[in-house]
């Protein structure tokens, strides 16, 4: 990893159809509250930053 680049380590979403399978695990949740809780917990566990894309998708990025 070079300076300024990050690695997507997980995706948390309300709508699995918005995310294509790829290099990071995708967690599909059933509500906004669960999405936020799962994203926050994964952020701590994976020592990563949580970013809300504003479309029901959170990405967790490790720098």
PDB file of N, CA and C in Angstrom:
ATOM      1  N   UNK A   1       0.832  -1.170   0.000  1.00  0.00           N
ATOM      2  CA  UNK A   1       0.000   0.000   0.000  1.00  0.00           C
ATOM      3  C   UNK A   1       0.884   1.242   0.000  1.00  0.00           C
ATOM      4  N   UNK A   2       0.608   2.153  -0.894  1.00  0.00           N
ATOM      5  CA  UNK A   2       1.348   3.411  -0.972  1.00  0.00           C
ATOM      6  C   UNK A   2       0.645   4.480  -0.152  1.00  0.00           C
ATOM      7  N   UNK A   3       1.332   5.564   0.129  1.00  0.00           N
ATOM      8  CA  UNK A   3       0.750   6.653   0.905  1.00  0.00           C
ATOM      9  C   UNK A   3      -0.526   7.176   0.271  1.00  0.00           C
ATOM     10  N   UNK A   4      -1.550   7.439   1.104  1.00  0.00           N
ATOM     11  CA  UNK A   4      -2.799   7.993   0.623  1.00  0.00           C
ATOM     12  C   UNK A   4      -3.792   6.962   0.106  1.00  0.00           C
ATOM     13  N   UNK A   5      -3.363   5.739  -0.068  1.00  0.00           N
ATOM     14  CA  UNK A   5      -4.274   4.698  -0.555  1.00  0.00           C
ATOM     15  C   UNK A   5      -4.783   3.883   0.624  1.00  0.00           C
ATOM     16  N   UNK A   6      -5.987   3.355   0.476  1.00  0.00           N
ATOM     17  CA  UNK A   6      -6.553   2.505   1.510  1.00  0.00           C
ATOM     18  C   UNK A   6      -7.040   1.208   0.910  1.00  0.00           C
ATOM     19  N   UNK A   7      -7.295   0.269   1.773  1.00  0.00           N
ATOM     20  CA  UNK A   7      -7.771  -1.034   1.355  1.00  0.00           C
ATOM     21  C   UNK A   7      -9.175  -1.232   1.927  1.00  0.00           C
ATOM     22  N   UNK A   8     -10.148  -1.499   1.065  1.00  0.00           N
ATOM     23  CA  UNK A   8     -11.504  -1.779   1.530  1.00  0.00           C
ATOM     24  C   UNK A   8     -11.497  -3.161   2.170  1.00  0.00           C
ATOM     25  N   UNK A   9     -11.808  -3.209   3.470  1.00  0.00           N
ATOM     26  CA  UNK A   9     -11.744  -4.478   4.192  1.00  0.00           C
ATOM     27  C   UNK A   9     -13.121  -5.081   4.432  1.00  0.00           C
ATOM     28  N   UNK A  10     -14.186  -4.285   4.302  1.00  0.00           N
ATOM     29  CA  UNK A  10     -15.547  -4.809   4.472  1.00  0.00           C
ATOM     30  C   UNK A  10     -16.551  -3.794   3.939  1.00  0.00           C
ATOM     31  N   UNK A  11     -17.744  -4.303   3.626  1.00  0.00           N
ATOM     32  CA  UNK A  11     -18.855  -3.470   3.171  1.00  0.00           C
ATOM     33  C   UNK A  11     -20.088  -3.882   3.985  1.00  0.00           C
ATOM     34  N   UNK A  12     -20.840  -2.881   4.473  1.00  0.00           N
ATOM     35  CA  UNK A  12     -22.075  -3.145   5.210  1.00  0.00           C
ATOM     36  C   UNK A  12     -23.188  -2.420   4.458  1.00  0.00           C
ATOM     37  N   UNK A  13     -24.247  -3.147   4.126  1.00  0.00           N
ATOM     38  CA  UNK A  13     -25.287  -2.552   3.292  1.00  0.00           C
ATOM     39  C   UNK A  13     -26.691  -3.025   3.679  1.00  0.00           C
ATOM     40  N   UNK A  14     -27.656  -2.188   3.353  1.00  0.00           N
ATOM     41  CA  UNK A  14     -29.059  -2.565   3.513  1.00  0.00           C
ATOM     42  C   UNK A  14     -29.542  -3.332   2.292  1.00  0.00           C
ATOM     43  N   UNK A  15     -28.909  -3.092   1.159  1.00  0.00           N
ATOM     44  CA  UNK A  15     -29.359  -3.679  -0.112  1.00  0.00           C
ATOM     45  C   UNK A  15     -28.192  -4.381  -0.798  1.00  0.00           C
ATOM     46  N   UNK A  16     -28.155  -5.694  -0.682  1.00  0.00           N
ATOM     47  CA  UNK A  16     -27.071  -6.470  -1.267  1.00  0.00           C
ATOM     48  C   UNK A  16     -26.933  -6.293  -2.763  1.00  0.00           C
ATOM     49  N   UNK A  17     -28.037  -5.936  -3.443  1.00  0.00           N
ATOM     50  CA  UNK A  17     -27.966  -5.771  -4.899  1.00  0.00           C
ATOM     51  C   UNK A  17     -27.173  -4.540  -5.311  1.00  0.00           C
ATOM     52  N   UNK A  18     -26.863  -3.647  -4.360  1.00  0.00           N
ATOM     53  CA  UNK A  18     -26.071  -2.452  -4.673  1.00  0.00           C
ATOM     54  C   UNK A  18     -24.573  -2.733  -4.661  1.00  0.00           C
ATOM     55  N   UNK A  19     -24.185  -3.922  -4.182  1.00  0.00           N
ATOM     56  CA  UNK A  19     -22.772  -4.242  -4.029  1.00  0.00           C
ATOM     57  C   UNK A  19     -22.448  -5.500  -4.818  1.00  0.00           C
ATOM     58  N   UNK A  20     -21.457  -5.414  -5.676  1.00  0.00           N
ATOM     59  CA  UNK A  20     -20.989  -6.580  -6.415  1.00  0.00           C
ATOM     60  C   UNK A  20     -19.969  -7.332  -5.574  1.00  0.00           C
ATOM     61  N   UNK A  21     -19.968  -8.627  -5.664  1.00  0.00           N
ATOM     62  CA  UNK A  21     -18.987  -9.430  -4.938  1.00  0.00           C
ATOM     63  C   UNK A  21     -17.600  -9.069  -5.440  1.00  0.00           C
ATOM     64  N   UNK A  22     -16.674  -9.014  -4.507  1.00  0.00           N
ATOM     65  CA  UNK A  22     -15.315  -8.634  -4.880  1.00  0.00           C
ATOM     66  C   UNK A  22     -14.336  -9.093  -3.833  1.00  0.00           C
ATOM     67  N   UNK A  23     -13.369  -8.257  -3.556  1.00  0.00           N
ATOM     68  CA  UNK A  23     -12.296  -8.630  -2.651  1.00  0.00           C
ATOM     69  C   UNK A  23     -12.602  -8.462  -1.179  1.00  0.00           C
ATOM     70  N   UNK A  24     -13.707  -7.814  -0.830  1.00  0.00           N
ATOM     71  CA  UNK A  24     -14.019  -7.579   0.576  1.00  0.00           C
ATOM     72  C   UNK A  24     -15.328  -8.287   0.945  1.00  0.00           C
ATOM     73  N   UNK A  25     -15.436  -8.744   2.190  1.00  0.00           N
ATOM     74  CA  UNK A  25     -16.685  -9.359   2.626  1.00  0.00           C
ATOM     75  C   UNK A  25     -17.824  -8.340   2.643  1.00  0.00           C
ATOM     76  N   UNK A  26     -19.021  -8.775   2.277  1.00  0.00           N
ATOM     77  CA  UNK A  26     -20.202  -7.909   2.267  1.00  0.00           C
ATOM     78  C   UNK A  26     -21.168  -8.414   3.330  1.00  0.00           C
ATOM     79  N   UNK A  27     -21.562  -7.522   4.239  1.00  0.00           N
ATOM     80  CA  UNK A  27     -22.518  -7.847   5.295  1.00  0.00           C
ATOM     81  C   UNK A  27     -23.830  -7.164   4.948  1.00  0.00           C
ATOM     82  N   UNK A  28     -24.866  -7.955   4.680  1.00  0.00           N
ATOM     83  CA  UNK A  28     -26.192  -7.416   4.358  1.00  0.00           C
ATOM     84  C   UNK A  28     -27.021  -7.441   5.643  1.00  0.00           C
ATOM     85  N   UNK A  29     -27.513  -6.266   6.034  1.00  0.00           N
ATOM     86  CA  UNK A  29     -28.270  -6.133   7.278  1.00  0.00           C
ATOM     87  C   UNK A  29     -29.706  -5.718   6.966  1.00  0.00           C
ATOM     88  N   UNK A  30     -30.571  -5.780   7.986  1.00  0.00           N
ATOM     89  CA  UNK A  30     -31.996  -5.573   7.735  1.00  0.00           C
ATOM     90  C   UNK A  30     -32.519  -4.190   8.089  1.00  0.00           C
ATOM     91  N   UNK A  31     -31.692  -3.346   8.703  1.00  0.00           N
ATOM     92  CA  UNK A  31     -32.179  -2.014   9.063  1.00  0.00           C
ATOM     93  C   UNK A  31     -31.041  -1.040   9.306  1.00  0.00           C
ATOM     94  N   UNK A  32     -31.385   0.236   9.338  1.00  0.00           N
ATOM     95  CA  UNK A  32     -30.382   1.294   9.512  1.00  0.00           C
ATOM     96  C   UNK A  32     -29.643   1.182  10.843  1.00  0.00           C
ATOM     97  N   UNK A  33     -30.391   0.862  11.898  1.00  0.00           N
ATOM     98  CA  UNK A  33     -29.767   0.742  13.215  1.00  0.00           C
ATOM     99  C   UNK A  33     -28.761  -0.409  13.239  1.00  0.00           C
ATOM    100  N   UNK A  34     -29.149  -1.543  12.664  1.00  0.00           N
ATOM    101  CA  UNK A  34     -28.246  -2.700  12.607  1.00  0.00           C
ATOM    102  C   UNK A  34     -27.042  -2.385  11.724  1.00  0.00           C
ATOM    103  N   UNK A  35     -27.272  -1.685  10.623  1.00  0.00           N
ATOM    104  CA  UNK A  35     -26.171  -1.322   9.713  1.00  0.00           C
ATOM    105  C   UNK A  35     -25.125  -0.494  10.449  1.00  0.00           C
ATOM    106  N   UNK A  36     -25.580   0.498  11.196  1.00  0.00           N
ATOM    107  CA  UNK A  36     -24.650   1.358  11.924  1.00  0.00           C
ATOM    108  C   UNK A  36     -23.900   0.583  13.004  1.00  0.00           C
ATOM    109  N   UNK A  37     -24.619  -0.280  13.731  1.00  0.00           N
ATOM    110  CA  UNK A  37     -23.986  -1.067  14.795  1.00  0.00           C
ATOM    111  C   UNK A  37     -22.947  -2.029  14.227  1.00  0.00           C
ATOM    112  N   UNK A  38     -23.293  -2.739  13.161  1.00  0.00           N
ATOM    113  CA  UNK A  38     -22.359  -3.690  12.550  1.00  0.00           C
ATOM    114  C   UNK A  38     -21.136  -2.950  11.990  1.00  0.00           C
ATOM    115  N   UNK A  39     -21.361  -1.834  11.309  1.00  0.00           N
ATOM    116  CA  UNK A  39     -20.248  -1.071  10.737  1.00  0.00           C
ATOM    117  C   UNK A  39     -19.320  -0.544  11.825  1.00  0.00           C
ATOM    118  N   UNK A  40     -19.897  -0.029  12.911  1.00  0.00           N
ATOM    119  CA  UNK A  40     -19.089   0.507  14.007  1.00  0.00           C
ATOM    120  C   UNK A  40     -18.280  -0.594  14.682  1.00  0.00           C
ATOM    121  N   UNK A  41     -18.929  -1.720  14.933  1.00  0.00           N
ATOM    122  CA  UNK A  41     -18.236  -2.846  15.575  1.00  0.00           C
ATOM    123  C   UNK A  41     -17.116  -3.374  14.685  1.00  0.00           C
ATOM    124  N   UNK A  42     -17.404  -3.561  13.399  1.00  0.00           N
ATOM    125  CA  UNK A  42     -16.360  -4.034  12.478  1.00  0.00           C
ATOM    126  C   UNK A  42     -15.217  -3.032  12.384  1.00  0.00           C
ATOM    127  N   UNK A  43     -15.548  -1.745  12.413  1.00  0.00           N
ATOM    128  CA  UNK A  43     -14.508  -0.715  12.369  1.00  0.00           C
ATOM    129  C   UNK A  43     -13.529  -0.852  13.519  1.00  0.00           C
ATOM    130  N   UNK A  44     -14.060  -1.117  14.705  1.00  0.00           N
ATOM    131  CA  UNK A  44     -13.181  -1.305  15.876  1.00  0.00           C
ATOM    132  C   UNK A  44     -12.382  -2.601  15.758  1.00  0.00           C
ATOM    133  N   UNK A  45     -13.064  -3.685  15.406  1.00  0.00           N
ATOM    134  CA  UNK A  45     -12.410  -5.000  15.334  1.00  0.00           C
ATOM    135  C   UNK A  45     -11.316  -5.019  14.262  1.00  0.00           C
ATOM    136  N   UNK A  46     -11.608  -4.408  13.122  1.00  0.00           N
ATOM    137  CA  UNK A  46     -10.666  -4.423  11.997  1.00  0.00           C
ATOM    138  C   UNK A  46      -9.706  -3.232  12.003  1.00  0.00           C
ATOM    139  N   UNK A  47      -9.817  -2.386  13.026  1.00  0.00           N
ATOM    140  CA  UNK A  47      -8.988  -1.181  13.139  1.00  0.00           C
ATOM    141  C   UNK A  47      -9.029  -0.395  11.827  1.00  0.00           C
ATOM    142  N   UNK A  48     -10.247  -0.053  11.413  1.00  0.00           N
ATOM    143  CA  UNK A  48     -10.431   0.623  10.128  1.00  0.00           C
ATOM    144  C   UNK A  48     -11.394   1.800  10.273  1.00  0.00           C
ATOM    145  N   UNK A  49     -11.419   2.643   9.251  1.00  0.00           N
ATOM    146  CA  UNK A  49     -12.311   3.794   9.228  1.00  0.00           C
ATOM    147  C   UNK A  49     -13.617   3.400   8.540  1.00  0.00           C
ATOM    148  N   UNK A  50     -14.729   3.912   9.066  1.00  0.00           N
ATOM    149  CA  UNK A  50     -16.048   3.631   8.506  1.00  0.00           C
ATOM    150  C   UNK A  50     -16.498   4.849   7.709  1.00  0.00           C
ATOM    151  N   UNK A  51     -16.898   4.621   6.467  1.00  0.00           N
ATOM    152  CA  UNK A  51     -17.355   5.704   5.600  1.00  0.00           C
ATOM    153  C   UNK A  51     -18.762   5.397   5.096  1.00  0.00           C
ATOM    154  N   UNK A  52     -19.683   6.358   5.296  1.00  0.00           N
ATOM    155  CA  UNK A  52     -21.061   6.237   4.828  1.00  0.00           C
ATOM    156  C   UNK A  52     -21.123   6.815   3.423  1.00  0.00           C
ATOM    157  N   UNK A  53     -21.455   5.994   2.437  1.00  0.00           N
ATOM    158  CA  UNK A  53     -21.534   6.461   1.054  1.00  0.00           C
ATOM    159  C   UNK A  53     -22.839   7.206   0.779  1.00  0.00           C
ATOM    160  N   UNK A  54     -23.762   7.180   1.730  1.00  0.00           N
ATOM    161  CA  UNK A  54     -25.006   7.918   1.592  1.00  0.00           C
ATOM    162  C   UNK A  54     -26.080   7.228   0.775  1.00  0.00           C
ATOM    163  N   UNK A  55     -25.827   6.018   0.358  1.00  0.00           N
ATOM    164  CA  UNK A  55     -26.794   5.272  -0.450  1.00  0.00           C
ATOM    165  C   UNK A  55     -27.174   3.949   0.208  1.00  0.00           C
ATOM    166  N   UNK A  56     -27.029   3.900   1.534  1.00  0.00           N
ATOM    167  CA  UNK A  56     -27.330   2.672   2.255  1.00  0.00           C
ATOM    168  C   UNK A  56     -26.127   1.743   2.385  1.00  0.00           C
ATOM    169  N   UNK A  57     -24.960   2.215   1.941  1.00  0.00           N
ATOM    170  CA  UNK A  57     -23.746   1.388   1.951  1.00  0.00           C
ATOM    171  C   UNK A  57     -22.678   2.061   2.810  1.00  0.00           C
ATOM    172  N   UNK A  58     -22.091   1.283   3.714  1.00  0.00           N
ATOM    173  CA  UNK A  58     -20.925   1.737   4.476  1.00  0.00           C
ATOM    174  C   UNK A  58     -19.731   0.917   3.980  1.00  0.00           C
ATOM    175  N   UNK A  59     -18.598   1.573   3.796  1.00  0.00           N
ATOM    176  CA  UNK A  59     -17.364   0.847   3.482  1.00  0.00           C
ATOM    177  C   UNK A  59     -16.384   1.051   4.618  1.00  0.00           C
ATOM    178  N   UNK A  60     -15.633   0.006   4.925  1.00  0.00           N
ATOM    179  CA  UNK A  60     -14.611   0.077   5.957  1.00  0.00           C
ATOM    180  C   UNK A  60     -13.265   0.024   5.270  1.00  0.00           C
ATOM    181  N   UNK A  61     -12.454   1.023   5.532  1.00  0.00           N
ATOM    182  CA  UNK A  61     -11.171   1.188   4.852  1.00  0.00           C
ATOM    183  C   UNK A  61     -10.042   1.174   5.866  1.00  0.00           C
ATOM    184  N   UNK A  62      -9.024   0.396   5.570  1.00  0.00           N
ATOM    185  CA  UNK A  62      -7.820   0.321   6.402  1.00  0.00           C
ATOM    186  C   UNK A  62      -6.713   1.042   5.670  1.00  0.00           C
ATOM    187  N   UNK A  63      -6.031   1.920   6.382  1.00  0.00           N
ATOM    188  CA  UNK A  63      -4.908   2.678   5.777  1.00  0.00           C
ATOM    189  C   UNK A  63      -3.590   2.126   6.221  1.00  0.00           C
TER     190      UNK A  63
END
